[in-house]
């Protein structure tokens, strides 16, 4: 897979996770009768997705370091 295709695949993957998580948070808030806005849920989802991607990157880096050069 080329770098450009890998990059687009990553962008689409993160975007889909962000949208799904934002909708899930919004629907959960509506279900629990909490005052939620879709914008606030989208912001929270962005932070959660960013944290997850950073954690995944660290996990991959540590795994590669353990395997050795």
C-alpha atoms as a PDB file:
ATOM      1  CA  UNK A   1       0.000   0.000   0.000  1.00  0.00           C
ATOM      2  CA  UNK A   2       1.362   3.415  -0.890  1.00  0.00           C
ATOM      3  CA  UNK A   3       1.873   6.162   1.649  1.00  0.00           C
ATOM      4  CA  UNK A   4      -0.925   8.260   0.170  1.00  0.00           C
ATOM      5  CA  UNK A   5      -3.404   5.383   0.365  1.00  0.00           C
ATOM      6  CA  UNK A   6      -2.310   4.597   3.916  1.00  0.00           C
ATOM      7  CA  UNK A   7      -2.752   8.228   4.912  1.00  0.00           C
ATOM      8  CA  UNK A   8      -6.257   8.440   3.414  1.00  0.00           C
ATOM      9  CA  UNK A   9      -7.227   5.171   5.048  1.00  0.00           C
ATOM     10  CA  UNK A  10      -6.073   6.532   8.408  1.00  0.00           C
ATOM     11  CA  UNK A  11      -7.964   9.813   7.905  1.00  0.00           C
ATOM     12  CA  UNK A  12     -11.179   8.009   6.971  1.00  0.00           C
ATOM     13  CA  UNK A  13     -10.822   5.608   9.870  1.00  0.00           C
ATOM     14  CA  UNK A  14     -10.343   8.372  12.433  1.00  0.00           C
ATOM     15  CA  UNK A  15     -13.187  10.413  10.925  1.00  0.00           C
ATOM     16  CA  UNK A  16     -15.611   7.504  11.050  1.00  0.00           C
ATOM     17  CA  UNK A  17     -14.670   6.736  14.676  1.00  0.00           C
ATOM     18  CA  UNK A  18     -15.091  10.396  15.587  1.00  0.00           C
ATOM     19  CA  UNK A  19     -18.551  10.655  14.002  1.00  0.00           C
ATOM     20  CA  UNK A  20     -19.766   7.388  15.518  1.00  0.00           C
ATOM     21  CA  UNK A  21     -18.475   8.277  18.968  1.00  0.00           C
ATOM     22  CA  UNK A  22     -19.993  11.776  18.805  1.00  0.00           C
ATOM     23  CA  UNK A  23     -23.379  10.343  17.847  1.00  0.00           C
ATOM     24  CA  UNK A  24     -23.147   7.683  20.557  1.00  0.00           C
ATOM     25  CA  UNK A  25     -22.355  10.309  23.206  1.00  0.00           C
ATOM     26  CA  UNK A  26     -25.169  12.542  21.973  1.00  0.00           C
ATOM     27  CA  UNK A  27     -27.690   9.699  21.941  1.00  0.00           C
ATOM     28  CA  UNK A  28     -26.559   8.559  25.387  1.00  0.00           C
ATOM     29  CA  UNK A  29     -27.067  12.083  26.701  1.00  0.00           C
ATOM     30  CA  UNK A  30     -30.534  12.274  25.159  1.00  0.00           C
ATOM     31  CA  UNK A  31     -31.422   8.858  26.573  1.00  0.00           C
ATOM     32  CA  UNK A  32     -30.365   9.897  30.074  1.00  0.00           C
ATOM     33  CA  UNK A  33     -32.179  13.262  29.781  1.00  0.00           C
ATOM     34  CA  UNK A  34     -28.954  15.227  30.104  1.00  0.00           C
ATOM     35  CA  UNK A  35     -28.643  18.669  28.499  1.00  0.00           C
ATOM     36  CA  UNK A  36     -26.292  17.850  25.633  1.00  0.00           C
ATOM     37  CA  UNK A  37     -25.451  19.555  22.385  1.00  0.00           C
ATOM     38  CA  UNK A  38     -24.075  17.792  19.372  1.00  0.00           C
ATOM     39  CA  UNK A  39     -21.160  20.262  19.259  1.00  0.00           C
ATOM     40  CA  UNK A  40     -20.137  19.452  22.830  1.00  0.00           C
ATOM     41  CA  UNK A  41     -20.360  15.734  22.116  1.00  0.00           C
ATOM     42  CA  UNK A  42     -18.275  16.192  18.968  1.00  0.00           C
ATOM     43  CA  UNK A  43     -15.607  17.992  20.994  1.00  0.00           C
ATOM     44  CA  UNK A  44     -15.550  15.269  23.623  1.00  0.00           C
ATOM     45  CA  UNK A  45     -15.399  12.618  20.927  1.00  0.00           C
ATOM     46  CA  UNK A  46     -12.464  14.408  19.289  1.00  0.00           C
ATOM     47  CA  UNK A  47     -10.551  14.366  22.571  1.00  0.00           C
ATOM     48  CA  UNK A  48     -11.329  10.683  23.122  1.00  0.00           C
ATOM     49  CA  UNK A  49     -10.285   9.729  19.586  1.00  0.00           C
ATOM     50  CA  UNK A  50      -7.077  11.782  19.829  1.00  0.00           C
ATOM     51  CA  UNK A  51      -6.214  10.165  23.155  1.00  0.00           C
ATOM     52  CA  UNK A  52      -6.886   6.738  21.705  1.00  0.00           C
ATOM     53  CA  UNK A  53      -4.678   7.376  18.688  1.00  0.00           C
ATOM     54  CA  UNK A  54      -1.836   8.649  20.896  1.00  0.00           C
ATOM     55  CA  UNK A  55      -2.158   5.584  23.107  1.00  0.00           C
ATOM     56  CA  UNK A  56      -2.151   3.282  20.084  1.00  0.00           C
ATOM     57  CA  UNK A  57       0.940   5.004  18.705  1.00  0.00           C
ATOM     58  CA  UNK A  58       2.761   4.589  22.022  1.00  0.00           C
ATOM     59  CA  UNK A  59       1.732   0.935  22.212  1.00  0.00           C
ATOM     60  CA  UNK A  60       3.061   0.279  18.706  1.00  0.00           C
ATOM     61  CA  UNK A  61       6.302   2.119  19.417  1.00  0.00           C
ATOM     62  CA  UNK A  62       6.906   0.175  22.634  1.00  0.00           C
ATOM     63  CA  UNK A  63       6.143  -3.118  20.919  1.00  0.00           C
ATOM     64  CA  UNK A  64       8.614  -2.313  18.124  1.00  0.00           C
ATOM     65  CA  UNK A  65      11.253  -1.322  20.683  1.00  0.00           C
ATOM     66  CA  UNK A  66      10.820  -4.622  22.556  1.00  0.00           C
ATOM     67  CA  UNK A  67      11.306  -6.600  19.348  1.00  0.00           C
ATOM     68  CA  UNK A  68      14.649  -4.910  18.844  1.00  0.00           C
ATOM     69  CA  UNK A  69      16.325  -3.318  15.833  1.00  0.00           C
END
